[in-house]
C-alpha atoms as a PDB file:
ATOM      1  CA  MET A   1      10.965  25.082  22.752  1.00  0.00           C
ATOM      2  CA  PRO A   2      14.201  23.441  21.589  1.00  0.00           C
ATOM      3  CA  GLU A   3      14.008  19.982  20.043  1.00  0.00           C
ATOM      4  CA  SER A   4      15.095  16.979  22.104  1.00  0.00           C
ATOM      5  CA  ILE A   5      17.931  15.458  20.094  1.00  0.00           C
ATOM      6  CA  ALA A   6      20.286  12.727  21.228  1.00  0.00           C
ATOM      7  CA  PRO A   7      23.936  13.607  20.588  1.00  0.00           C
ATOM      8  CA  THR A   8      24.587  10.750  18.142  1.00  0.00           C
ATOM      9  CA  ILE A   9      23.624   7.202  17.178  1.00  0.00           C
ATOM     10  CA  ASP A  10      26.147   4.516  16.353  1.00  0.00           C
ATOM     11  CA  ILE A  11      25.779   1.214  14.519  1.00  0.00           C
ATOM     12  CA  ALA A  12      25.618  -0.777  17.750  1.00  0.00           C
ATOM     13  CA  SER A  13      22.714   1.228  19.164  1.00  0.00           C
ATOM     14  CA  MET A  14      20.679   1.956  16.035  1.00  0.00           C
ATOM     15  CA  ARG A  15      17.169   0.549  15.558  1.00  0.00           C
ATOM     16  CA  PRO A  16      16.342   1.222  11.902  1.00  0.00           C
ATOM     17  CA  GLN A  17      12.754   1.930  10.933  1.00  0.00           C
ATOM     18  CA  VAL A  18      11.724   2.640   7.339  1.00  0.00           C
ATOM     19  CA  ASP A  19       9.021   5.277   6.948  1.00  0.00           C
ATOM     20  CA  PHE A  20       8.594   4.827   3.201  1.00  0.00           C
ATOM     21  CA  ALA A  21      10.350   3.789   0.008  1.00  0.00           C
ATOM     22  CA  ALA A  22       9.719   4.691  -3.631  1.00  0.00           C
ATOM     23  CA  LEU A  23      10.977   4.619  -7.194  1.00  0.00           C
ATOM     24  CA  TRP A  24      10.382   7.849  -9.105  1.00  0.00           C
ATOM     25  CA  GLU A  25      10.384   8.428 -12.872  1.00  0.00           C
ATOM     26  CA  GLN A  26       9.706  12.097 -13.578  1.00  0.00           C
ATOM     27  CA  HIS A  27      10.078  14.406 -16.557  1.00  0.00           C
ATOM     28  CA  ASP A  28       9.055  17.913 -15.477  1.00  0.00           C
ATOM     29  CA  PRO A  29      11.108  20.191 -13.184  1.00  0.00           C
ATOM     30  CA  VAL A  30      10.077  20.093  -9.510  1.00  0.00           C
ATOM     31  CA  TRP A  31      11.472  21.637  -6.326  1.00  0.00           C
ATOM     32  CA  TYR A  32      10.321  20.231  -2.962  1.00  0.00           C
ATOM     33  CA  VAL A  33      10.421  22.146   0.318  1.00  0.00           C
ATOM     34  CA  TYR A  34       9.715  20.028   3.389  1.00  0.00           C
ATOM     35  CA  ARG A  35      11.180  18.763   6.663  1.00  0.00           C
ATOM     36  CA  VAL A  36      12.387  15.180   6.997  1.00  0.00           C
ATOM     37  CA  PRO A  37      12.183  13.635  10.504  1.00  0.00           C
ATOM     38  CA  SER A  38      15.493  11.770  10.348  1.00  0.00           C
ATOM     39  CA  HIS A  39      17.500  10.536   7.314  1.00  0.00           C
ATOM     40  CA  GLN A  40      16.538  10.647   3.634  1.00  0.00           C
ATOM     41  CA  PHE A  41      18.364   8.609   0.985  1.00  0.00           C
ATOM     42  CA  LEU A  42      18.073   9.478  -2.727  1.00  0.00           C
ATOM     43  CA  LEU A  43      19.822   7.129  -5.177  1.00  0.00           C
ATOM     44  CA  VAL A  44      20.047   8.494  -8.724  1.00  0.00           C
ATOM     45  CA  GLU A  45      19.702   6.075 -11.628  1.00  0.00           C
ATOM     46  CA  SER A  46      19.468   8.666 -14.415  1.00  0.00           C
ATOM     47  CA  GLY A  47      19.316  12.445 -14.568  1.00  0.00           C
ATOM     48  CA  LEU A  48      20.476  14.886 -11.882  1.00  0.00           C
ATOM     49  CA  LEU A  49      19.182  15.752  -8.411  1.00  0.00           C
ATOM     50  CA  ARG A  50      19.933  18.932  -6.509  1.00  0.00           C
ATOM     51  CA  ALA A  51      19.430  19.302  -2.759  1.00  0.00           C
ATOM     52  CA  LYS A  52      20.155  21.474   0.229  1.00  0.00           C
ATOM     53  CA  GLY A  53      22.701  19.645   2.371  1.00  0.00           C
ATOM     54  CA  MET A  54      24.385  20.387   5.664  1.00  0.00           C
ATOM     55  CA  ASN A  55      26.968  22.588   3.904  1.00  0.00           C
ATOM     56  CA  GLY A  56      24.944  24.148   1.105  1.00  0.00           C
ATOM     57  CA  GLU A  57      23.742  22.860  -2.256  1.00  0.00           C
ATOM     58  CA  VAL A  58      24.815  19.371  -3.309  1.00  0.00           C
ATOM     59  CA  ARG A  59      24.226  17.536  -6.595  1.00  0.00           C
ATOM     60  CA  ALA A  60      24.058  13.836  -7.452  1.00  0.00           C
ATOM     61  CA  GLY A  61      24.083  12.055 -10.809  1.00  0.00           C
ATOM     62  CA  PRO A  62      23.783   8.402 -11.838  1.00  0.00           C
ATOM     63  CA  GLY A  63      25.428   6.007  -9.378  1.00  0.00           C
ATOM     64  CA  GLU A  64      25.498   8.626  -6.627  1.00  0.00           C
ATOM     65  CA  MET A  65      23.362   8.853  -3.487  1.00  0.00           C
ATOM     66  CA  LEU A  66      22.274  11.838  -1.449  1.00  0.00           C
ATOM     67  CA  CYS A  67      22.165  11.231   2.311  1.00  0.00           C
ATOM     68  CA  LEU A  68      20.140  14.109   3.739  1.00  0.00           C
ATOM     69  CA  ARG A  69      19.573  14.796   7.419  1.00  0.00           C
ATOM     70  CA  ARG A  70      16.952  16.860   9.161  1.00  0.00           C
ATOM     71  CA  LEU A  71      17.263  20.598   8.675  1.00  0.00           C
ATOM     72  CA  PRO A  72      14.920  23.436   9.637  1.00  0.00           C
ATOM     73  CA  ARG A  73      14.083  23.517   5.914  1.00  0.00           C
ATOM     74  CA  ASN A  74      14.922  20.514   3.709  1.00  0.00           C
ATOM     75  CA  GLU A  75      14.905  21.035  -0.052  1.00  0.00           C
ATOM     76  CA  TYR A  76      15.585  18.974  -3.160  1.00  0.00           C
ATOM     77  CA  GLY A  77      14.469  18.781  -6.782  1.00  0.00           C
ATOM     78  CA  TYR A  78      15.415  18.341 -10.423  1.00  0.00           C
ATOM     79  CA  ASP A  79      15.389  20.381 -13.612  1.00  0.00           C
ATOM     80  CA  GLY A  80      14.588  17.671 -16.150  1.00  0.00           C
ATOM     81  CA  PRO A  81      13.942  13.946 -16.660  1.00  0.00           C
ATOM     82  CA  VAL A  82      15.148  11.843 -13.760  1.00  0.00           C
ATOM     83  CA  ARG A  83      14.785   8.334 -12.368  1.00  0.00           C
ATOM     84  CA  TYR A  84      15.727   7.811  -8.734  1.00  0.00           C
ATOM     85  CA  TRP A  85      15.088   5.675  -5.654  1.00  0.00           C
ATOM     86  CA  GLU A  86      14.104   7.183  -2.306  1.00  0.00           C
ATOM     87  CA  CYS A  87      13.676   5.977   1.253  1.00  0.00           C
ATOM     88  CA  HIS A  88      13.276   7.652   4.639  1.00  0.00           C
ATOM     89  CA  LEU A  89      14.934   5.916   7.597  1.00  0.00           C
ATOM     90  CA  SER A  90      14.916   6.596  11.311  1.00  0.00           C
ATOM     91  CA  PHE A  91      17.613   4.981  13.431  1.00  0.00           C
ATOM     92  CA  THR A  92      16.241   5.650  16.901  1.00  0.00           C
ATOM     93  CA  PRO A  93      12.700   6.186  18.225  1.00  0.00           C
ATOM     94  CA  VAL A  94      10.978   9.477  18.993  1.00  0.00           C
ATOM     95  CA  PRO A  95      11.968  11.909  20.454  1.00  0.00           C
ATOM     96  CA  HIS A  96      15.568  11.405  19.271  1.00  0.00           C
ATOM     97  CA  GLU A  97      14.843  10.476  15.651  1.00  0.00           C
ATOM     98  CA  ALA A  98      16.712  13.524  14.307  1.00  0.00           C
ATOM     99  CA  ALA A  99      20.039  12.485  15.856  1.00  0.00           C
ATOM    100  CA  PRO A 100      22.750  11.833  13.250  1.00  0.00           C
ATOM    101  CA  LEU A 101      23.987   8.309  12.612  1.00  0.00           C
ATOM    102  CA  LEU A 102      27.747   8.005  13.013  1.00  0.00           C
ATOM    103  CA  ILE A 103      29.717   5.713  10.711  1.00  0.00           C
ATOM    104  CA  GLU A 104      33.320   5.165  11.783  1.00  0.00           C
ATOM    105  CA  GLY A 105      32.910   8.160  14.085  1.00  0.00           C
ATOM    106  CA  SER A 106      31.497  10.629  11.519  1.00  0.00           C
ATOM    107  CA  PRO A 107      28.039  11.433  10.115  1.00  0.00           C
ATOM    108  CA  LEU A 108      27.293  10.244   6.592  1.00  0.00           C
ATOM    109  CA  PRO A 109      28.267  12.877   4.007  1.00  0.00           C
ATOM    110  CA  ASP A 110      25.583  14.611   1.970  1.00  0.00           C
ATOM    111  CA  ARG A 111      26.686  12.805  -1.206  1.00  0.00           C
ATOM    112  CA  ILE A 112      28.260   9.383  -1.750  1.00  0.00           C
ATOM    113  CA  VAL A 113      29.753   8.184  -5.038  1.00  0.00           C
ATOM    114  CA  LEU A 114      28.710   4.534  -4.876  1.00  0.00           C
ATOM    115  CA  GLY A 115      30.711   3.205  -7.821  1.00  0.00           C
ATOM    116  CA  ASP A 116      30.643  -0.603  -7.830  1.00  0.00           C
ATOM    117  CA  HIS A 117      28.267  -0.537  -4.845  1.00  0.00           C
ATOM    118  CA  ALA A 118      25.400   1.198  -6.675  1.00  0.00           C
ATOM    119  CA  GLY A 119      23.829  -2.145  -7.562  1.00  0.00           C
ATOM    120  CA  SER A 120      23.818  -3.283  -3.934  1.00  0.00           C
ATOM    121  CA  ALA A 121      22.261  -0.002  -2.810  1.00  0.00           C
ATOM    122  CA  ARG A 122      19.592  -0.231  -5.504  1.00  0.00           C
ATOM    123  CA  SER A 123      18.835  -3.853  -4.560  1.00  0.00           C
ATOM    124  CA  ALA A 124      18.365  -2.786  -0.928  1.00  0.00           C
ATOM    125  CA  ILE A 125      15.864  -0.020  -1.736  1.00  0.00           C
ATOM    126  CA  GLU A 126      14.129  -2.271  -4.256  1.00  0.00           C
ATOM    127  CA  THR A 127      13.631  -4.833  -1.467  1.00  0.00           C
ATOM    128  CA  LEU A 128      12.124  -2.086   0.681  1.00  0.00           C
ATOM    129  CA  CYS A 129       9.686  -1.244  -2.133  1.00  0.00           C
ATOM    130  CA  LEU A 130       8.731  -4.916  -2.416  1.00  0.00           C
ATOM    131  CA  GLU A 131       8.355  -5.681   1.285  1.00  0.00           C
ATOM    132  CA  LEU A 132       7.390  -2.494   3.084  1.00  0.00           C
ATOM    133  CA  ASP A 133       3.627  -2.709   2.609  1.00  0.00           C
ATOM    134  CA  ARG A 134       3.490  -6.420   3.494  1.00  0.00           C
ATOM    135  CA  ALA A 135       2.520  -7.750   6.901  1.00  0.00           C
ATOM    136  CA  GLY A 136       4.293 -10.461   8.868  1.00  0.00           C
ATOM    137  CA  ASP A 137       7.618 -11.150  10.501  1.00  0.00           C
ATOM    138  CA  LEU A 138       9.264 -12.393   7.304  1.00  0.00           C
ATOM    139  CA  ALA A 139       8.653  -9.061   5.588  1.00  0.00           C
ATOM    140  CA  ARG A 140       9.898  -7.169   8.656  1.00  0.00           C
ATOM    141  CA  LEU A 141      13.090  -9.205   8.739  1.00  0.00           C
ATOM    142  CA  ARG A 142      13.714  -8.523   5.056  1.00  0.00           C
ATOM    143  CA  ILE A 143      13.121  -4.801   5.642  1.00  0.00           C
ATOM    144  CA  VAL A 144      15.668  -4.651   8.468  1.00  0.00           C
ATOM    145  CA  GLN A 145      18.145  -6.650   6.373  1.00  0.00           C
ATOM    146  CA  ALA A 146      17.658  -4.252   3.441  1.00  0.00           C
ATOM    147  CA  ALA A 147      18.176  -1.196   5.664  1.00  0.00           C
ATOM    148  CA  HIS A 148      21.456  -2.659   6.891  1.00  0.00           C
ATOM    149  CA  GLY A 149      22.384  -3.569   3.300  1.00  0.00           C
ATOM    150  CA  LEU A 150      21.862   0.017   2.148  1.00  0.00           C
ATOM    151  CA  LEU A 151      24.140   1.309   4.900  1.00  0.00           C
ATOM    152  CA  ALA A 152      26.712  -1.389   4.154  1.00  0.00           C
ATOM    153  CA  ALA A 153      26.839  -0.330   0.504  1.00  0.00           C
ATOM    154  CA  ALA A 154      27.282   3.313   1.522  1.00  0.00           C
ATOM    155  CA  VAL A 155      30.031   2.541   4.031  1.00  0.00           C
ATOM    156  CA  ALA A 156      31.848   0.224   1.615  1.00  0.00           C
ATOM    157  CA  ALA A 157      31.768   2.948  -1.052  1.00  0.00           C
ATOM    158  CA  LEU A 158      33.165   5.508   1.380  1.00  0.00           C
ATOM    159  CA  ALA A 159      35.919   3.102   2.430  1.00  0.00           C
ATOM    160  CA  ARG A 160      36.589   2.082  -1.203  1.00  0.00           C
ATOM    161  CA  LYS A 161      36.290  -1.540  -0.113  1.00  0.00           C
ATOM    162  CA  PRO A 162      34.644  -4.418  -1.997  1.00  0.00           C
ATOM    163  CA  LEU A 163      31.274  -5.527  -0.665  1.00  0.00           C
ATOM    164  CA  ALA A 164      31.170  -9.315  -0.688  1.00  0.00           C
ATOM    165  CA  VAL A 165      27.502  -9.815  -1.479  1.00  0.00           C
ATOM    166  CA  VAL A 166      26.314 -12.998  -3.128  1.00  0.00           C
ATOM    167  CA  PRO A 167      23.131 -12.404  -5.159  1.00  0.00           C
ATOM    168  CA  ASP A 168      20.173 -14.109  -3.511  1.00  0.00           C
ATOM    169  CA  ARG A 169      17.910 -16.510  -5.335  1.00  0.00           C
ATOM    170  CA  TRP A 170      15.442 -13.861  -6.477  1.00  0.00           C
ATOM    171  CA  GLN A 171      18.120 -11.455  -7.657  1.00  0.00           C
ATOM    172  CA  HIS A 172      19.736 -14.267  -9.641  1.00  0.00           C
ATOM    173  CA  LEU A 173      16.416 -15.228 -11.239  1.00  0.00           C
ATOM    174  CA  ARG A 174      15.597 -11.652 -12.220  1.00  0.00           C
ATOM    175  CA  GLN A 175      19.062 -11.182 -13.673  1.00  0.00           C
ATOM    176  CA  ARG A 176      18.492 -14.317 -15.765  1.00  0.00           C
ATOM    177  CA  LEU A 177      15.087 -13.062 -16.912  1.00  0.00           C
ATOM    178  CA  GLU A 178      16.512  -9.651 -17.873  1.00  0.00           C
ATOM    179  CA  ALA A 179      19.508 -11.068 -19.778  1.00  0.00           C
ATOM    180  CA  ASN A 180      19.782 -12.035 -23.458  1.00  0.00           C
ATOM    181  CA  LEU A 181      16.324 -10.693 -24.238  1.00  0.00           C
ATOM    182  CA  SER A 182      16.628 -11.558 -27.916  1.00  0.00           C
ATOM    183  CA  GLU A 183      17.094 -15.251 -27.071  1.00  0.00           C
ATOM    184  CA  PRO A 184      14.310 -17.697 -26.133  1.00  0.00           C
ATOM    185  CA  LEU A 185      14.032 -18.749 -22.498  1.00  0.00           C
ATOM    186  CA  SER A 186      11.430 -21.203 -21.209  1.00  0.00           C
ATOM    187  CA  LEU A 187      10.064 -21.498 -17.705  1.00  0.00           C
ATOM    188  CA  GLU A 188      11.430 -25.053 -17.626  1.00  0.00           C
ATOM    189  CA  GLU A 189      14.961 -23.828 -18.384  1.00  0.00           C
ATOM    190  CA  LEU A 190      14.702 -21.141 -15.727  1.00  0.00           C
ATOM    191  CA  ALA A 191      13.390 -23.616 -13.167  1.00  0.00           C
ATOM    192  CA  ALA A 192      16.164 -26.099 -13.957  1.00  0.00           C
ATOM    193  CA  SER A 193      18.778 -23.418 -13.266  1.00  0.00           C
ATOM    194  CA  ASP A 194      17.090 -22.847  -9.894  1.00  0.00           C
ATOM    195  CA  GLY A 195      16.913 -26.542  -9.081  1.00  0.00           C
ATOM    196  CA  VAL A 196      13.116 -26.691  -8.787  1.00  0.00           C
ATOM    197  CA  GLY A 197      10.142 -27.661 -10.930  1.00  0.00           C
ATOM    198  CA  ALA A 198       8.514 -25.217 -13.329  1.00  0.00           C
ATOM    199  CA  ASP A 199       5.163 -25.158 -11.493  1.00  0.00           C
ATOM    200  CA  HIS A 200       6.853 -24.602  -8.130  1.00  0.00           C
ATOM    201  CA  LEU A 201       8.958 -21.740  -9.486  1.00  0.00           C
ATOM    202  CA  GLY A 202       5.980 -20.119 -11.193  1.00  0.00           C
ATOM    203  CA  ARG A 203       3.942 -20.106  -7.973  1.00  0.00           C
ATOM    204  CA  ALA A 204       6.846 -18.925  -5.790  1.00  0.00           C
ATOM    205  CA  PHE A 205       7.839 -16.142  -8.205  1.00  0.00           C
ATOM    206  CA  ARG A 206       4.257 -14.885  -8.426  1.00  0.00           C
ATOM    207  CA  ARG A 207       3.923 -14.860  -4.623  1.00  0.00           C
ATOM    208  CA  ARG A 208       7.151 -12.878  -4.350  1.00  0.00           C
ATOM    209  CA  PHE A 209       6.653 -10.357  -7.164  1.00  0.00           C
ATOM    210  CA  GLY A 210       2.952 -10.493  -8.054  1.00  0.00           C
ATOM    211  CA  ILE A 211       3.716 -11.494 -11.644  1.00  0.00           C
ATOM    212  CA  SER A 212       4.726 -14.698 -13.433  1.00  0.00           C
ATOM    213  CA  PRO A 213       8.376 -15.202 -14.502  1.00  0.00           C
ATOM    214  CA  MET A 214       7.525 -15.128 -18.213  1.00  0.00           C
ATOM    215  CA  ALA A 215       5.379 -12.007 -17.830  1.00  0.00           C
ATOM    216  CA  TYR A 216       8.313 -10.388 -16.013  1.00  0.00           C
ATOM    217  CA  ARG A 217      10.617 -11.278 -18.907  1.00  0.00           C
ATOM    218  CA  ASN A 218       8.111 -10.058 -21.489  1.00  0.00           C
ATOM    219  CA  ARG A 219       7.848  -6.723 -19.700  1.00  0.00           C
ATOM    220  CA  ALA A 220      11.650  -6.434 -19.726  1.00  0.00           C
ATOM    221  CA  ARG A 221      11.687  -7.274 -23.464  1.00  0.00           C
ATOM    222  CA  LEU A 222       9.106  -4.592 -24.236  1.00  0.00           C
ATOM    223  CA  SER A 223      10.957  -2.014 -22.136  1.00  0.00           C
ATOM    224  CA  TRP A 224      14.061  -2.797 -24.182  1.00  0.00           C
ATOM    225  CA  ALA A 225      11.956  -2.491 -27.340  1.00  0.00           C
ATOM    226  CA  ALA A 226      10.807   0.964 -26.252  1.00  0.00           C
ATOM    227  CA  SER A 227      14.439   2.016 -25.836  1.00  0.00           C
ATOM    228  CA  LEU A 228      15.366   0.686 -29.290  1.00  0.00           C
ATOM    229  CA  ILE A 229      12.443   2.474 -30.941  1.00  0.00           C
ATOM    230  CA  SER A 230      13.363   5.710 -29.143  1.00  0.00           C
ATOM    231  CA  GLU A 231      16.861   5.325 -30.622  1.00  0.00           C
ATOM    232  CA  GLY A 232      15.359   5.249 -34.122  1.00  0.00           C
ATOM    233  CA  LEU A 233      15.263   1.541 -34.993  1.00  0.00           C
ATOM    234  CA  ALA A 234      12.471   0.432 -37.323  1.00  0.00           C
ATOM    235  CA  VAL A 235       9.535  -1.417 -35.783  1.00  0.00           C
ATOM    236  CA  LYS A 236      10.091  -4.483 -37.987  1.00  0.00           C
ATOM    237  CA  GLU A 237      13.737  -4.634 -36.978  1.00  0.00           C
ATOM    238  CA  VAL A 238      12.881  -4.386 -33.276  1.00  0.00           C
ATOM    239  CA  ALA A 239      10.220  -7.084 -33.614  1.00  0.00           C
ATOM    240  CA  HIS A 240      12.706  -9.376 -35.353  1.00  0.00           C
ATOM    241  CA  ARG A 241      15.424  -8.693 -32.780  1.00  0.00           C
ATOM    242  CA  LEU A 242      13.091  -9.580 -29.918  1.00  0.00           C
ATOM    243  CA  GLY A 243      11.944 -12.802 -31.585  1.00  0.00           C
ATOM    244  CA  PHE A 244       8.329 -11.886 -32.341  1.00  0.00           C
ATOM    245  CA  ALA A 245       6.671 -13.786 -35.204  1.00  0.00           C
ATOM    246  CA  ASP A 246       5.891 -10.550 -37.054  1.00  0.00           C
ATOM    247  CA  ALA A 247       5.548  -6.800 -36.570  1.00  0.00           C
ATOM    248  CA  SER A 248       1.782  -7.034 -35.997  1.00  0.00           C
ATOM    249  CA  THR A 249       2.162  -9.446 -33.073  1.00  0.00           C
ATOM    250  CA  PHE A 250       4.850  -7.202 -31.604  1.00  0.00           C
ATOM    251  CA  ALA A 251       2.704  -4.075 -32.036  1.00  0.00           C
ATOM    252  CA  ARG A 252      -0.244  -5.694 -30.203  1.00  0.00           C
ATOM    253  CA  ALA A 253       1.989  -6.695 -27.275  1.00  0.00           C
ATOM    254  CA  PHE A 254       3.570  -3.229 -27.240  1.00  0.00           C
ATOM    255  CA  ARG A 255       0.182  -1.475 -27.172  1.00  0.00           C
ATOM    256  CA  HIS A 256      -1.008  -3.756 -24.371  1.00  0.00           C
ATOM    257  CA  GLN A 257       2.065  -2.839 -22.302  1.00  0.00           C
ATOM    258  CA  PHE A 258       2.313   0.893 -22.975  1.00  0.00           C
ATOM    259  CA  GLY A 259      -1.154   1.927 -24.161  1.00  0.00           C
ATOM    260  CA  LEU A 260       0.072   3.187 -27.536  1.00  0.00           C
ATOM    261  CA  ALA A 261       1.498   1.752 -30.735  1.00  0.00           C
ATOM    262  CA  PRO A 262       5.280   1.717 -31.373  1.00  0.00           C
ATOM    263  CA  ASN A 263       5.087   4.491 -33.989  1.00  0.00           C
ATOM    264  CA  GLU A 264       2.829   6.558 -31.722  1.00  0.00           C
ATOM    265  CA  MET A 265       5.401   6.233 -28.965  1.00  0.00           C
ATOM    266  CA  ARG A 266       8.136   7.408 -31.332  1.00  0.00           C
ATOM    267  CA  ILE A 267       6.083  10.509 -32.202  1.00  0.00           C
ATOM    268  CA  ALA A 268       5.326  11.146 -28.521  1.00  0.00           C
ATOM    269  CA  GLY A 269       9.045  11.020 -27.748  1.00  0.00           C
ATOM    270  CA  GLY A 270       8.877   8.020 -25.430  1.00  0.00           C
ATOM    271  CA  PRO A 271       6.440   6.028 -23.297  1.00  0.00           C
ATOM    272  CA  PRO A 272       4.570   7.587 -20.380  1.00  0.00           C
ATOM    273  CA  PRO A 273       6.789   7.689 -17.261  1.00  0.00           C
ATOM    274  CA  ALA A 274       4.693   5.160 -15.346  1.00  0.00           C
ATOM    275  CA  ALA A 275       4.792   2.714 -18.252  1.00  0.00           C
ATOM    276  CA  THR A 276       8.571   2.558 -18.536  1.00  0.00           C
ATOM    277  CA  SER A 277       9.061   0.789 -15.220  1.00  0.00           C
ATOM    278  CA  ASP A 278      10.745  -2.603 -15.201  1.00  0.00           C
ATOM    279  CA  VAL A 279      10.005  -3.320 -11.545  1.00  0.00           C
ATOM    280  CA  PRO A 280       7.231  -5.445 -10.001  1.00  0.00           C
ATOM    281  CA  PHE A 281       5.707  -2.766  -7.756  1.00  0.00           C
ATOM    282  CA  PRO A 282       3.937   0.585  -8.236  1.00  0.00           C
ATOM    283  CA  ILE A 283       6.164   3.536  -9.048  1.00  0.00           C
ATOM    284  CA  ASN A 284       5.738   7.272  -8.483  1.00  0.00           C
ATOM    285  CA  ARG A 285       4.114   6.786  -5.083  1.00  0.00           C
ATOM    286  CA  HIS A 286       5.192   6.290  -1.483  1.00  0.00           C
ATOM    287  CA  ILE A 287       5.164   2.666  -0.326  1.00  0.00           C
ATOM    288  CA  ARG A 288       4.509   2.575   3.405  1.00  0.00           C
ATOM    289  CA  PRO A 289       4.181  -0.057   6.160  1.00  0.00           C
ATOM    290  CA  PRO A 290       0.694  -1.486   6.843  1.00  0.00           C
ATOM    291  CA  GLY A 291      -1.390   0.693   9.124  1.00  0.00           C
ATOM    292  CA  SER A 292       0.852   3.739   8.767  1.00  0.00           C
ATOM    293  CA  GLY A 293      -1.242   6.796   9.406  1.00  0.00           C
ATOM    294  CA  SER A 294       1.072   9.492  10.721  1.00  0.00           C
ATOM    295  CA  GLN A 295       2.733  12.050   8.484  1.00  0.00           C
ATOM    296  CA  TRP A 296       6.391  11.159   8.041  1.00  0.00           C
ATOM    297  CA  PHE A 297       7.559  14.606   6.996  1.00  0.00           C
ATOM    298  CA  GLU A 298       6.291  18.178   7.076  1.00  0.00           C
ATOM    299  CA  TRP A 299       5.657  20.193   3.904  1.00  0.00           C
ATOM    300  CA  ARG A 300       6.993  23.725   4.095  1.00  0.00           C
END
């Protein structure tokens, strides 16, 4: 029996629903064969993805996004280490969920070079990862806003137009926490830049991200340390650069974060994939809305 598919969906009529979102850090080659119900977005941060698009094989590297639609047999994978963001969106309810979304009269292409808009697209999917498994209207509003933000970044990239997005409070705070990692930064200084008290900021940040601001910064510092050690810098030099009192204190913090000592990590060729994440949510798993029980795609 033929599928019931609406001819098209436009921006005015779309009702976006996010089936899942995820951040993946993988090292071994994998090739997936499946069937996506509607639209799949894959934003590459490092490495290379290959996929079966509407017109044959398509590839995407860092700063590029695959926009895959439902096919009788969807396929994508990678041949080596890769870090990428993924989300599945439907723009109209069943039974027309497979209908293509039209942007300026045309379906989204299989691959978009995001350029200056890659950061906005990443921020949108990151918000989905943060909010999707939370209950309540506030989370739902943020999810819908993020879905629109992802599309806006894609459309702006296609049109080669600037996207006038002002970083929100949380994005600004995280940027501050991730900057100048070799310099000291106190919670009081961070709070003053946000115009609130230190205790208030600490509680609000933990509610939002599940981690304190200073723990977030320390995790970013140690992730940077892992990169420096992988590049061949001596442990003592890395400890000094990050402002630790001595190499022993640094090594204890490093082991607590990654589960192995700095020199052990160098021998292993890098930290375990799950330990390299600098984001405040689980990686390498699908993040889904509360109460989701139905299968959102078919394995082939």
